[in-house]
Amino acid sequence: ADNAGQANQLARSASTVAIEGGDVVSQVVSTMRDINDSSRQIVDIISVIDSIAFQTNILALNAAVEAARAGEQGRGFAVVAAEVRSLAHRSADAAKQIKSLISASVERVAQGSELVDKAGTTMQDVVASIRRVTDLMGEISTASIQQSAAVSQVGEAVTQMDKVTQQNAALVEESAQTVDSLSRQAQQLVTSMAVFRLTEASQPANPRGVATDGTS
């Protein structure tokens, strides 16, 4: 019963630890999902930046064409348009690189989220299994306590039976002694009766009509 109680306590402790671990995994799953959502939003923002850079490049190209048409008067504007176009190219390249990095990060986060989801499911199964084990250990502990009580009752019953057996043995011995005493008394009585019969048989018969005092 003591071992079953200790095992039950250990199972309860393991169940508590598993539940806490399950809560932590659930929090990690939630955090990974938030990171995944944020990464996707960043990808969308980078796409917007890329689109703006592309449009800026088109506008700068159109401005350069118009500046070329303006001739000498549009030369300064053409220089500015070229710088804007160069900046748009660099912005587009940077946006593409950032988008590529973010996309790779999103993919890895998605894989991590999938693994964490599986870990969360596994942890839930572990928690459920430990809870079942805890319930079973509780039932075993209760059954052990009941069995211990039953064994104790059986022990008490055996002790009582032993006492009764000893009492019966004493009574049997006393009865045997009584029977032996009665047997001896009966034997003595038979012996006494035999003596009485022998004494009666040894006396002469007294005829009828004959005086016993010696007178005729």
N, C-alpha and C. Protein backbone atom coordinates (compact mmCIF):
# COMPACT_ATOMS: atom_id res chain seq x y z
N ALA A 1 0.83 -1.20 0.00
CA ALA A 1 0.00 0.00 0.00
C ALA A 1 0.87 1.26 0.00
N ASP A 2 1.99 1.21 0.79
CA ASP A 2 2.88 2.37 0.82
C ASP A 2 3.53 2.60 -0.54
N ASN A 3 4.00 1.52 -1.17
CA ASN A 3 4.62 1.65 -2.50
C ASN A 3 3.62 2.17 -3.52
N ALA A 4 2.40 1.67 -3.45
CA ALA A 4 1.36 2.14 -4.38
C ALA A 4 1.07 3.61 -4.15
N GLY A 5 1.06 4.03 -2.88
CA GLY A 5 0.82 5.44 -2.59
C GLY A 5 1.95 6.31 -3.12
N GLN A 6 3.20 5.87 -2.95
CA GLN A 6 4.33 6.63 -3.48
C GLN A 6 4.29 6.69 -5.00
N ALA A 7 3.96 5.57 -5.64
CA ALA A 7 3.85 5.56 -7.10
C ALA A 7 2.74 6.49 -7.57
N ASN A 8 1.64 6.52 -6.83
CA ASN A 8 0.54 7.42 -7.17
C ASN A 8 0.99 8.87 -7.06
N GLN A 9 1.76 9.20 -6.00
CA GLN A 9 2.25 10.56 -5.83
C GLN A 9 3.21 10.94 -6.94
N LEU A 10 4.10 10.01 -7.33
CA LEU A 10 5.03 10.28 -8.43
C LEU A 10 4.27 10.49 -9.74
N ALA A 11 3.24 9.70 -9.96
CA ALA A 11 2.44 9.85 -11.18
C ALA A 11 1.75 11.21 -11.21
N ARG A 12 1.26 11.65 -10.05
CA ARG A 12 0.62 12.97 -9.99
C ARG A 12 1.64 14.08 -10.26
N SER A 13 2.85 13.93 -9.71
CA SER A 13 3.90 14.93 -9.95
C SER A 13 4.27 14.97 -11.43
N ALA A 14 4.41 13.78 -12.04
CA ALA A 14 4.72 13.72 -13.47
C ALA A 14 3.60 14.34 -14.30
N SER A 15 2.36 14.12 -13.88
CA SER A 15 1.22 14.71 -14.58
C SER A 15 1.27 16.22 -14.51
N THR A 16 1.62 16.76 -13.32
CA THR A 16 1.71 18.21 -13.17
C THR A 16 2.80 18.78 -14.06
N VAL A 17 3.97 18.11 -14.08
CA VAL A 17 5.07 18.58 -14.92
C VAL A 17 4.69 18.51 -16.40
N ALA A 18 4.03 17.44 -16.80
CA ALA A 18 3.62 17.30 -18.20
C ALA A 18 2.61 18.37 -18.59
N ILE A 19 1.69 18.68 -17.68
CA ILE A 19 0.70 19.72 -17.97
C ILE A 19 1.39 21.07 -18.13
N GLU A 20 2.36 21.36 -17.24
CA GLU A 20 3.10 22.62 -17.36
C GLU A 20 3.88 22.65 -18.67
N GLY A 21 4.50 21.52 -19.03
CA GLY A 21 5.21 21.45 -20.30
C GLY A 21 4.28 21.65 -21.48
N GLY A 22 3.07 21.09 -21.38
CA GLY A 22 2.08 21.28 -22.44
C GLY A 22 1.68 22.74 -22.57
N ASP A 23 1.56 23.44 -21.44
CA ASP A 23 1.23 24.87 -21.48
C ASP A 23 2.35 25.66 -22.15
N VAL A 24 3.60 25.32 -21.82
CA VAL A 24 4.74 26.01 -22.43
C VAL A 24 4.76 25.78 -23.93
N VAL A 25 4.55 24.54 -24.35
CA VAL A 25 4.53 24.23 -25.78
C VAL A 25 3.40 24.98 -26.48
N SER A 26 2.26 25.09 -25.83
CA SER A 26 1.14 25.83 -26.41
C SER A 26 1.51 27.30 -26.59
N GLN A 27 2.21 27.86 -25.61
CA GLN A 27 2.65 29.25 -25.73
C GLN A 27 3.65 29.41 -26.87
N VAL A 28 4.55 28.43 -27.00
CA VAL A 28 5.52 28.48 -28.10
C VAL A 28 4.81 28.39 -29.45
N VAL A 29 3.81 27.53 -29.54
CA VAL A 29 3.03 27.41 -30.77
C VAL A 29 2.38 28.74 -31.11
N SER A 30 1.78 29.38 -30.11
CA SER A 30 1.12 30.67 -30.33
C SER A 30 2.14 31.73 -30.78
N THR A 31 3.32 31.73 -30.13
CA THR A 31 4.36 32.71 -30.50
C THR A 31 4.85 32.47 -31.92
N MET A 32 5.06 31.21 -32.29
CA MET A 32 5.50 30.90 -33.65
C MET A 32 4.47 31.32 -34.68
N ARG A 33 3.22 31.17 -34.36
CA ARG A 33 2.17 31.61 -35.29
C ARG A 33 2.18 33.13 -35.43
N ASP A 34 2.39 33.82 -34.31
CA ASP A 34 2.46 35.29 -34.38
C ASP A 34 3.65 35.72 -35.23
N ILE A 35 4.81 35.05 -35.04
CA ILE A 35 5.99 35.38 -35.85
C ILE A 35 5.72 35.10 -37.32
N ASN A 36 5.05 34.02 -37.61
CA ASN A 36 4.72 33.67 -38.99
C ASN A 36 3.82 34.74 -39.61
N ASP A 37 2.81 35.15 -38.84
CA ASP A 37 1.92 36.20 -39.35
C ASP A 37 2.67 37.51 -39.57
N SER A 38 3.55 37.88 -38.62
CA SER A 38 4.32 39.12 -38.77
C SER A 38 5.26 39.04 -39.97
N SER A 39 5.87 37.88 -40.17
CA SER A 39 6.78 37.72 -41.31
C SER A 39 6.02 37.86 -42.63
N ARG A 40 4.84 37.31 -42.69
CA ARG A 40 4.03 37.44 -43.91
C ARG A 40 3.65 38.91 -44.14
N GLN A 41 3.36 39.61 -43.08
CA GLN A 41 3.05 41.04 -43.22
C GLN A 41 4.28 41.80 -43.73
N ILE A 42 5.47 41.44 -43.25
CA ILE A 42 6.70 42.08 -43.73
C ILE A 42 6.90 41.80 -45.21
N VAL A 43 6.63 40.57 -45.62
CA VAL A 43 6.74 40.22 -47.04
C VAL A 43 5.80 41.08 -47.87
N ASP A 44 4.60 41.28 -47.37
CA ASP A 44 3.64 42.13 -48.09
C ASP A 44 4.16 43.56 -48.18
N ILE A 45 4.74 44.06 -47.07
CA ILE A 45 5.27 45.43 -47.08
C ILE A 45 6.43 45.54 -48.06
N ILE A 46 7.31 44.56 -48.08
CA ILE A 46 8.43 44.56 -49.02
C ILE A 46 7.92 44.53 -50.46
N SER A 47 6.85 43.81 -50.69
CA SER A 47 6.26 43.78 -52.04
C SER A 47 5.77 45.16 -52.43
N VAL A 48 5.18 45.87 -51.48
CA VAL A 48 4.74 47.24 -51.76
C VAL A 48 5.94 48.13 -52.06
N ILE A 49 7.02 47.99 -51.26
CA ILE A 49 8.23 48.79 -51.50
C ILE A 49 8.81 48.47 -52.88
N ASP A 50 8.82 47.22 -53.25
CA ASP A 50 9.32 46.81 -54.56
C ASP A 50 8.48 47.42 -55.67
N SER A 51 7.17 47.42 -55.44
CA SER A 51 6.28 48.02 -56.45
C SER A 51 6.53 49.53 -56.57
N ILE A 52 6.72 50.19 -55.42
CA ILE A 52 6.99 51.63 -55.44
C ILE A 52 8.31 51.91 -56.15
N ALA A 53 9.32 51.09 -55.86
CA ALA A 53 10.61 51.27 -56.52
C ALA A 53 10.49 51.08 -58.03
N PHE A 54 9.70 50.09 -58.43
CA PHE A 54 9.49 49.86 -59.86
C PHE A 54 8.80 51.06 -60.50
N GLN A 55 7.77 51.57 -59.85
CA GLN A 55 7.07 52.74 -60.39
C GLN A 55 7.98 53.97 -60.41
N THR A 56 8.81 54.11 -59.36
CA THR A 56 9.75 55.24 -59.32
C THR A 56 10.75 55.13 -60.47
N ASN A 57 11.19 53.93 -60.76
CA ASN A 57 12.11 53.71 -61.87
C ASN A 57 11.46 54.10 -63.19
N ILE A 58 10.20 53.73 -63.36
CA ILE A 58 9.48 54.10 -64.59
C ILE A 58 9.36 55.62 -64.70
N LEU A 59 9.00 56.24 -63.58
CA LEU A 59 8.87 57.71 -63.59
C LEU A 59 10.20 58.38 -63.88
N ALA A 60 11.28 57.86 -63.27
CA ALA A 60 12.60 58.43 -63.52
C ALA A 60 13.01 58.24 -64.97
N LEU A 61 12.67 57.10 -65.54
CA LEU A 61 12.97 56.85 -66.95
C LEU A 61 12.21 57.82 -67.84
N ASN A 62 10.95 58.02 -67.54
CA ASN A 62 10.15 58.99 -68.32
C ASN A 62 10.71 60.40 -68.16
N ALA A 63 11.14 60.73 -66.93
CA ALA A 63 11.71 62.06 -66.70
C ALA A 63 13.00 62.24 -67.48
N ALA A 64 13.82 61.19 -67.55
CA ALA A 64 15.06 61.27 -68.32
C ALA A 64 14.78 61.46 -69.80
N VAL A 65 13.76 60.79 -70.29
CA VAL A 65 13.38 60.95 -71.71
C VAL A 65 12.93 62.38 -71.98
N GLU A 66 12.12 62.92 -71.09
CA GLU A 66 11.64 64.29 -71.27
C GLU A 66 12.79 65.28 -71.15
N ALA A 67 13.72 65.01 -70.24
CA ALA A 67 14.88 65.91 -70.09
C ALA A 67 15.74 65.88 -71.34
N ALA A 68 15.87 64.71 -71.95
CA ALA A 68 16.65 64.61 -73.18
C ALA A 68 15.99 65.38 -74.30
N ARG A 69 14.70 65.37 -74.30
CA ARG A 69 13.98 66.12 -75.32
C ARG A 69 14.14 67.62 -75.11
N ALA A 70 14.26 68.03 -73.86
CA ALA A 70 14.38 69.46 -73.55
C ALA A 70 15.76 69.99 -73.93
N GLY A 71 16.68 69.10 -74.17
CA GLY A 71 18.00 69.53 -74.61
C GLY A 71 18.81 70.10 -73.46
N GLU A 72 19.49 71.22 -73.74
CA GLU A 72 20.38 71.84 -72.75
C GLU A 72 19.64 72.27 -71.51
N GLN A 73 18.41 72.69 -71.67
CA GLN A 73 17.64 73.17 -70.51
C GLN A 73 17.24 72.02 -69.58
N GLY A 74 17.13 70.87 -70.11
CA GLY A 74 16.71 69.74 -69.28
C GLY A 74 17.86 68.88 -68.79
N ARG A 75 19.12 69.34 -69.00
CA ARG A 75 20.26 68.53 -68.59
C ARG A 75 20.31 68.33 -67.07
N GLY A 76 20.09 69.40 -66.31
CA GLY A 76 20.12 69.28 -64.84
C GLY A 76 19.02 68.35 -64.34
N PHE A 77 17.90 68.47 -64.95
CA PHE A 77 16.78 67.61 -64.55
C PHE A 77 17.09 66.16 -64.91
N ALA A 78 17.79 65.95 -66.02
CA ALA A 78 18.16 64.60 -66.43
C ALA A 78 19.10 63.96 -65.42
N VAL A 79 20.03 64.78 -64.88
CA VAL A 79 20.95 64.25 -63.85
C VAL A 79 20.17 63.80 -62.62
N VAL A 80 19.23 64.64 -62.20
CA VAL A 80 18.40 64.28 -61.03
C VAL A 80 17.60 63.02 -61.32
N ALA A 81 17.03 62.94 -62.53
CA ALA A 81 16.23 61.77 -62.89
C ALA A 81 17.09 60.51 -62.89
N ALA A 82 18.34 60.64 -63.34
CA ALA A 82 19.24 59.48 -63.35
C ALA A 82 19.54 59.02 -61.93
N GLU A 83 19.76 59.99 -61.03
CA GLU A 83 20.01 59.63 -59.63
C GLU A 83 18.79 58.96 -58.99
N VAL A 84 17.63 59.52 -59.33
CA VAL A 84 16.40 58.92 -58.80
C VAL A 84 16.23 57.50 -59.33
N ARG A 85 16.53 57.33 -60.62
CA ARG A 85 16.41 56.01 -61.22
C ARG A 85 17.40 55.03 -60.58
N SER A 86 18.65 55.52 -60.34
CA SER A 86 19.65 54.67 -59.69
C SER A 86 19.21 54.29 -58.28
N LEU A 87 18.65 55.28 -57.57
CA LEU A 87 18.16 55.01 -56.22
C LEU A 87 17.00 54.01 -56.25
N ALA A 88 16.15 54.14 -57.26
CA ALA A 88 15.02 53.21 -57.39
C ALA A 88 15.53 51.80 -57.66
N HIS A 89 16.59 51.69 -58.50
CA HIS A 89 17.18 50.38 -58.77
C HIS A 89 17.74 49.76 -57.48
N ARG A 90 18.50 50.59 -56.73
CA ARG A 90 19.08 50.07 -55.49
C ARG A 90 17.98 49.69 -54.49
N SER A 91 16.93 50.51 -54.44
CA SER A 91 15.81 50.19 -53.53
C SER A 91 15.13 48.89 -53.94
N ALA A 92 14.96 48.73 -55.25
CA ALA A 92 14.32 47.50 -55.74
C ALA A 92 15.19 46.29 -55.44
N ASP A 93 16.53 46.43 -55.66
CA ASP A 93 17.43 45.30 -55.36
C ASP A 93 17.41 44.97 -53.87
N ALA A 94 17.46 46.02 -53.05
CA ALA A 94 17.43 45.78 -51.60
C ALA A 94 16.11 45.14 -51.18
N ALA A 95 15.03 45.63 -51.78
CA ALA A 95 13.71 45.07 -51.46
C ALA A 95 13.64 43.59 -51.85
N LYS A 96 14.23 43.26 -53.01
CA LYS A 96 14.22 41.87 -53.45
C LYS A 96 15.03 40.98 -52.49
N GLN A 97 16.21 41.50 -52.08
CA GLN A 97 17.02 40.73 -51.14
C GLN A 97 16.30 40.53 -49.81
N ILE A 98 15.71 41.63 -49.33
CA ILE A 98 14.97 41.54 -48.06
C ILE A 98 13.80 40.58 -48.21
N LYS A 99 13.11 40.67 -49.33
CA LYS A 99 11.98 39.78 -49.58
C LYS A 99 12.43 38.32 -49.61
N SER A 100 13.60 38.08 -50.25
CA SER A 100 14.11 36.72 -50.32
C SER A 100 14.45 36.20 -48.92
N LEU A 101 15.11 37.06 -48.11
CA LEU A 101 15.46 36.65 -46.75
C LEU A 101 14.20 36.41 -45.91
N ILE A 102 13.25 37.33 -46.03
CA ILE A 102 12.01 37.20 -45.26
C ILE A 102 11.25 35.95 -45.69
N SER A 103 11.25 35.68 -47.01
CA SER A 103 10.55 34.49 -47.50
C SER A 103 11.18 33.22 -46.93
N ALA A 104 12.54 33.21 -46.92
CA ALA A 104 13.22 32.05 -46.33
C ALA A 104 12.90 31.93 -44.84
N SER A 105 12.87 33.10 -44.17
CA SER A 105 12.53 33.09 -42.74
C SER A 105 11.11 32.60 -42.52
N VAL A 106 10.20 33.06 -43.37
CA VAL A 106 8.80 32.63 -43.26
C VAL A 106 8.69 31.13 -43.45
N GLU A 107 9.45 30.62 -44.45
CA GLU A 107 9.41 29.18 -44.70
C GLU A 107 9.93 28.40 -43.49
N ARG A 108 11.04 28.89 -42.92
CA ARG A 108 11.60 28.22 -41.74
C ARG A 108 10.66 28.33 -40.54
N VAL A 109 10.06 29.51 -40.40
CA VAL A 109 9.11 29.68 -39.30
C VAL A 109 7.92 28.75 -39.48
N ALA A 110 7.48 28.60 -40.74
CA ALA A 110 6.36 27.70 -41.02
C ALA A 110 6.74 26.26 -40.66
N GLN A 111 7.97 25.86 -41.05
CA GLN A 111 8.43 24.52 -40.68
C GLN A 111 8.53 24.36 -39.16
N GLY A 112 9.06 25.42 -38.51
CA GLY A 112 9.13 25.38 -37.05
C GLY A 112 7.76 25.31 -36.42
N SER A 113 6.82 26.06 -36.98
CA SER A 113 5.45 26.03 -36.45
C SER A 113 4.84 24.65 -36.60
N GLU A 114 5.12 24.02 -37.75
CA GLU A 114 4.59 22.67 -37.97
C GLU A 114 5.17 21.69 -36.96
N LEU A 115 6.50 21.80 -36.73
CA LEU A 115 7.14 20.92 -35.76
C LEU A 115 6.61 21.18 -34.35
N VAL A 116 6.43 22.47 -34.03
CA VAL A 116 5.92 22.81 -32.70
C VAL A 116 4.49 22.32 -32.54
N ASP A 117 3.70 22.43 -33.62
CA ASP A 117 2.33 21.90 -33.57
C ASP A 117 2.34 20.40 -33.28
N LYS A 118 3.24 19.69 -33.98
CA LYS A 118 3.35 18.25 -33.73
C LYS A 118 3.80 17.98 -32.30
N ALA A 119 4.77 18.80 -31.85
CA ALA A 119 5.23 18.63 -30.46
C ALA A 119 4.10 18.91 -29.48
N GLY A 120 3.29 19.94 -29.80
CA GLY A 120 2.15 20.24 -28.94
C GLY A 120 1.15 19.10 -28.90
N THR A 121 0.88 18.52 -30.09
CA THR A 121 -0.04 17.37 -30.14
C THR A 121 0.52 16.19 -29.36
N THR A 122 1.83 15.94 -29.56
CA THR A 122 2.47 14.85 -28.81
C THR A 122 2.42 15.10 -27.32
N MET A 123 2.68 16.35 -26.91
CA MET A 123 2.64 16.68 -25.49
C MET A 123 1.24 16.49 -24.92
N GLN A 124 0.23 16.86 -25.71
CA GLN A 124 -1.14 16.65 -25.25
C GLN A 124 -1.43 15.16 -25.07
N ASP A 125 -0.93 14.35 -26.03
CA ASP A 125 -1.11 12.90 -25.88
C ASP A 125 -0.38 12.39 -24.64
N VAL A 126 0.83 12.92 -24.40
CA VAL A 126 1.58 12.51 -23.21
C VAL A 126 0.84 12.89 -21.95
N VAL A 127 0.31 14.12 -21.93
CA VAL A 127 -0.44 14.58 -20.76
C VAL A 127 -1.65 13.69 -20.53
N ALA A 128 -2.37 13.38 -21.62
CA ALA A 128 -3.55 12.51 -21.49
C ALA A 128 -3.15 11.13 -20.98
N SER A 129 -2.04 10.60 -21.52
CA SER A 129 -1.58 9.27 -21.08
C SER A 129 -1.18 9.29 -19.61
N ILE A 130 -0.47 10.35 -19.20
CA ILE A 130 -0.05 10.45 -17.80
C ILE A 130 -1.26 10.60 -16.89
N ARG A 131 -2.26 11.33 -17.37
CA ARG A 131 -3.48 11.45 -16.56
C ARG A 131 -4.15 10.09 -16.39
N ARG A 132 -4.18 9.30 -17.48
CA ARG A 132 -4.75 7.96 -17.37
C ARG A 132 -3.93 7.10 -16.41
N VAL A 133 -2.60 7.21 -16.52
CA VAL A 133 -1.74 6.46 -15.60
C VAL A 133 -1.98 6.91 -14.16
N THR A 134 -2.13 8.23 -13.97
CA THR A 134 -2.39 8.75 -12.63
C THR A 134 -3.70 8.19 -12.08
N ASP A 135 -4.72 8.18 -12.94
CA ASP A 135 -6.01 7.61 -12.50
C ASP A 135 -5.86 6.13 -12.14
N LEU A 136 -5.13 5.40 -13.00
CA LEU A 136 -4.93 3.97 -12.72
C LEU A 136 -4.14 3.77 -11.43
N MET A 137 -3.11 4.60 -11.22
CA MET A 137 -2.33 4.48 -10.00
C MET A 137 -3.18 4.81 -8.78
N GLY A 138 -4.10 5.79 -8.94
CA GLY A 138 -5.01 6.09 -7.84
C GLY A 138 -5.90 4.90 -7.52
N GLU A 139 -6.41 4.27 -8.58
CA GLU A 139 -7.25 3.09 -8.37
C GLU A 139 -6.44 1.95 -7.73
N ILE A 140 -5.19 1.78 -8.21
CA ILE A 140 -4.34 0.73 -7.63
C ILE A 140 -4.06 1.03 -6.16
N SER A 141 -3.80 2.32 -5.86
CA SER A 141 -3.53 2.69 -4.47
C SER A 141 -4.73 2.42 -3.59
N THR A 142 -5.92 2.79 -4.10
CA THR A 142 -7.14 2.52 -3.34
C THR A 142 -7.34 1.02 -3.14
N ALA A 143 -7.13 0.26 -4.23
CA ALA A 143 -7.29 -1.20 -4.13
C ALA A 143 -6.26 -1.79 -3.16
N SER A 144 -5.04 -1.24 -3.16
CA SER A 144 -4.01 -1.75 -2.25
C SER A 144 -4.39 -1.48 -0.80
N ILE A 145 -4.94 -0.27 -0.57
CA ILE A 145 -5.38 0.06 0.80
C ILE A 145 -6.49 -0.89 1.23
N GLN A 146 -7.45 -1.10 0.32
CA GLN A 146 -8.54 -2.02 0.64
C GLN A 146 -8.02 -3.44 0.86
N GLN A 147 -7.07 -3.85 0.01
CA GLN A 147 -6.49 -5.19 0.15
C GLN A 147 -5.74 -5.31 1.48
N SER A 148 -5.02 -4.25 1.84
CA SER A 148 -4.29 -4.26 3.11
C SER A 148 -5.26 -4.38 4.28
N ALA A 149 -6.37 -3.62 4.19
CA ALA A 149 -7.38 -3.72 5.24
C ALA A 149 -7.98 -5.12 5.30
N ALA A 150 -8.23 -5.70 4.11
CA ALA A 150 -8.79 -7.06 4.07
C ALA A 150 -7.80 -8.07 4.65
N VAL A 151 -6.51 -7.91 4.32
CA VAL A 151 -5.50 -8.81 4.86
C VAL A 151 -5.43 -8.67 6.38
N SER A 152 -5.54 -7.42 6.86
CA SER A 152 -5.53 -7.20 8.30
C SER A 152 -6.72 -7.89 8.96
N GLN A 153 -7.89 -7.77 8.31
CA GLN A 153 -9.08 -8.44 8.84
C GLN A 153 -8.90 -9.95 8.84
N VAL A 154 -8.30 -10.48 7.76
CA VAL A 154 -8.05 -11.92 7.70
C VAL A 154 -7.10 -12.33 8.82
N GLY A 155 -6.08 -11.50 9.06
CA GLY A 155 -5.15 -11.80 10.13
C GLY A 155 -5.83 -11.83 11.49
N GLU A 156 -6.72 -10.84 11.70
CA GLU A 156 -7.47 -10.83 12.95
C GLU A 156 -8.36 -12.07 13.06
N ALA A 157 -9.00 -12.43 11.94
CA ALA A 157 -9.86 -13.62 11.95
C ALA A 157 -9.05 -14.88 12.25
N VAL A 158 -7.86 -14.97 11.65
CA VAL A 158 -7.00 -16.13 11.90
C VAL A 158 -6.58 -16.17 13.37
N THR A 159 -6.27 -14.99 13.92
CA THR A 159 -5.90 -14.92 15.34
C THR A 159 -7.05 -15.39 16.22
N GLN A 160 -8.25 -14.91 15.88
CA GLN A 160 -9.42 -15.35 16.64
C GLN A 160 -9.64 -16.85 16.50
N MET A 161 -9.47 -17.35 15.26
CA MET A 161 -9.62 -18.79 15.05
C MET A 161 -8.59 -19.57 15.85
N ASP A 162 -7.37 -19.04 15.94
CA ASP A 162 -6.34 -19.71 16.72
C ASP A 162 -6.72 -19.75 18.20
N LYS A 163 -7.26 -18.61 18.68
CA LYS A 163 -7.70 -18.58 20.08
C LYS A 163 -8.82 -19.59 20.32
N VAL A 164 -9.78 -19.61 19.38
CA VAL A 164 -10.90 -20.55 19.51
C VAL A 164 -10.39 -21.98 19.46
N THR A 165 -9.42 -22.23 18.57
CA THR A 165 -8.85 -23.58 18.47
C THR A 165 -8.16 -23.98 19.76
N GLN A 166 -7.40 -23.03 20.33
CA GLN A 166 -6.75 -23.32 21.61
C GLN A 166 -7.78 -23.58 22.71
N GLN A 167 -8.84 -22.75 22.71
CA GLN A 167 -9.91 -22.97 23.69
C GLN A 167 -10.56 -24.34 23.49
N ASN A 168 -10.81 -24.68 22.22
CA ASN A 168 -11.41 -25.99 21.93
C ASN A 168 -10.48 -27.12 22.37
N ALA A 169 -9.18 -26.94 22.13
CA ALA A 169 -8.22 -27.96 22.54
C ALA A 169 -8.24 -28.12 24.05
N ALA A 170 -8.32 -26.97 24.76
CA ALA A 170 -8.37 -27.04 26.22
C ALA A 170 -9.65 -27.74 26.68
N LEU A 171 -10.76 -27.40 26.00
CA LEU A 171 -12.03 -28.05 26.35
C LEU A 171 -11.97 -29.55 26.07
N VAL A 172 -11.37 -29.92 24.94
CA VAL A 172 -11.25 -31.34 24.61
C VAL A 172 -10.40 -32.06 25.65
N GLU A 173 -9.29 -31.42 26.04
CA GLU A 173 -8.43 -32.03 27.06
C GLU A 173 -9.17 -32.17 28.39
N GLU A 174 -9.90 -31.09 28.73
CA GLU A 174 -10.69 -31.15 29.97
C GLU A 174 -11.75 -32.23 29.89
N SER A 175 -12.40 -32.32 28.71
CA SER A 175 -13.43 -33.35 28.52
C SER A 175 -12.81 -34.74 28.62
N ALA A 176 -11.61 -34.90 28.06
CA ALA A 176 -10.93 -36.20 28.13
C ALA A 176 -10.63 -36.56 29.58
N GLN A 177 -10.17 -35.55 30.32
CA GLN A 177 -9.90 -35.81 31.74
C GLN A 177 -11.18 -36.18 32.48
N THR A 178 -12.27 -35.48 32.16
CA THR A 178 -13.56 -35.77 32.80
C THR A 178 -14.02 -37.18 32.46
N VAL A 179 -13.89 -37.53 31.18
CA VAL A 179 -14.28 -38.88 30.75
C VAL A 179 -13.43 -39.93 31.45
N ASP A 180 -12.14 -39.65 31.57
CA ASP A 180 -11.24 -40.60 32.24
C ASP A 180 -11.64 -40.75 33.71
N SER A 181 -11.97 -39.60 34.34
CA SER A 181 -12.40 -39.65 35.74
C SER A 181 -13.70 -40.44 35.88
N LEU A 182 -14.64 -40.16 34.96
CA LEU A 182 -15.90 -40.89 34.99
C LEU A 182 -15.67 -42.38 34.76
N SER A 183 -14.72 -42.69 33.88
CA SER A 183 -14.42 -44.10 33.61
C SER A 183 -13.88 -44.78 34.86
N ARG A 184 -12.96 -44.10 35.56
CA ARG A 184 -12.42 -44.68 36.79
C ARG A 184 -13.50 -44.84 37.85
N GLN A 185 -14.37 -43.81 37.96
CA GLN A 185 -15.46 -43.92 38.93
C GLN A 185 -16.40 -45.07 38.57
N ALA A 186 -16.67 -45.21 37.27
CA ALA A 186 -17.53 -46.31 36.85
C ALA A 186 -16.89 -47.66 37.16
N GLN A 187 -15.58 -47.74 36.96
CA GLN A 187 -14.87 -48.98 37.25
C GLN A 187 -14.92 -49.29 38.74
N GLN A 188 -14.73 -48.23 39.54
CA GLN A 188 -14.83 -48.42 40.99
C GLN A 188 -16.23 -48.87 41.39
N LEU A 189 -17.23 -48.29 40.74
CA LEU A 189 -18.61 -48.65 41.04
C LEU A 189 -18.86 -50.11 40.67
N VAL A 190 -18.35 -50.52 39.52
CA VAL A 190 -18.51 -51.93 39.11
C VAL A 190 -17.83 -52.85 40.11
N THR A 191 -16.64 -52.46 40.54
CA THR A 191 -15.91 -53.27 41.53
C THR A 191 -16.68 -53.37 42.84
N SER A 192 -17.24 -52.24 43.25
CA SER A 192 -18.02 -52.23 44.50
C SER A 192 -19.25 -53.11 44.37
N MET A 193 -19.92 -53.06 43.26
CA MET A 193 -21.10 -53.88 43.03
C MET A 193 -20.73 -55.36 43.01
N ALA A 194 -19.59 -55.67 42.47
CA ALA A 194 -19.15 -57.08 42.43
C ALA A 194 -18.89 -57.59 43.83
N VAL A 195 -18.28 -56.79 44.68
CA VAL A 195 -18.03 -57.19 46.07
C VAL A 195 -19.34 -57.42 46.81
N PHE A 196 -20.30 -56.51 46.55
CA PHE A 196 -21.60 -56.62 47.21
C PHE A 196 -22.29 -57.91 46.79
N ARG A 197 -22.18 -58.26 45.55
CA ARG A 197 -22.83 -59.48 45.05
C ARG A 197 -22.15 -60.71 45.62
N LEU A 198 -20.82 -60.69 45.72
CA LEU A 198 -20.10 -61.83 46.28
C LEU A 198 -20.45 -62.02 47.75
N THR A 199 -20.60 -60.97 48.53
CA THR A 199 -20.96 -61.05 49.95
C THR A 199 -22.34 -61.62 50.11
N GLU A 200 -23.26 -61.21 49.29
CA GLU A 200 -24.64 -61.69 49.36
C GLU A 200 -24.72 -63.17 49.00
N ALA A 201 -23.91 -63.58 48.05
CA ALA A 201 -23.94 -64.98 47.62
C ALA A 201 -23.33 -65.91 48.66
N SER A 202 -22.40 -65.43 49.50
CA SER A 202 -21.73 -66.29 50.49
C SER A 202 -22.59 -66.57 51.72
N GLN A 203 -23.64 -65.82 51.99
CA GLN A 203 -24.53 -66.05 53.14
C GLN A 203 -25.47 -67.23 52.85
N PRO A 204 -25.75 -68.22 54.00
CA PRO A 204 -26.67 -69.37 53.76
C PRO A 204 -28.08 -68.91 53.63
N ALA A 205 -28.83 -69.73 52.96
CA ALA A 205 -30.25 -69.39 52.78
C ALA A 205 -31.00 -69.63 54.07
N ASN A 206 -31.96 -68.84 54.44
CA ASN A 206 -32.79 -68.94 55.65
C ASN A 206 -34.11 -69.58 55.28
N PRO A 207 -34.32 -70.93 55.75
CA PRO A 207 -35.59 -71.55 55.36
C PRO A 207 -36.75 -70.86 56.04
N ARG A 208 -37.89 -71.00 55.38
CA ARG A 208 -39.09 -70.36 55.93
C ARG A 208 -39.59 -71.15 57.14
N GLY A 209 -40.01 -70.44 58.14
CA GLY A 209 -40.59 -71.03 59.34
C GLY A 209 -39.55 -71.44 60.34
N VAL A 210 -38.27 -71.27 60.12
CA VAL A 210 -37.21 -71.65 61.05
C VAL A 210 -36.77 -70.42 61.75
N ALA A 211 -36.75 -70.50 63.12
CA ALA A 211 -36.38 -69.32 63.90
C ALA A 211 -34.90 -69.14 63.79
N THR A 212 -34.52 -67.93 63.81
CA THR A 212 -33.11 -67.60 63.69
C THR A 212 -32.47 -67.32 65.02
N ASP A 213 -33.26 -67.42 66.18
CA ASP A 213 -32.66 -67.08 67.48
C ASP A 213 -32.24 -68.33 68.23
N GLY A 214 -32.34 -69.60 67.70
CA GLY A 214 -31.90 -70.83 68.33
C GLY A 214 -32.98 -71.56 69.08
N THR A 215 -34.24 -71.12 69.19
CA THR A 215 -35.34 -71.79 69.87
C THR A 215 -36.08 -72.64 68.89
N SER A 216 -36.69 -73.82 69.41
CA SER A 216 -37.42 -74.70 68.55
C SER A 216 -38.88 -74.47 68.71
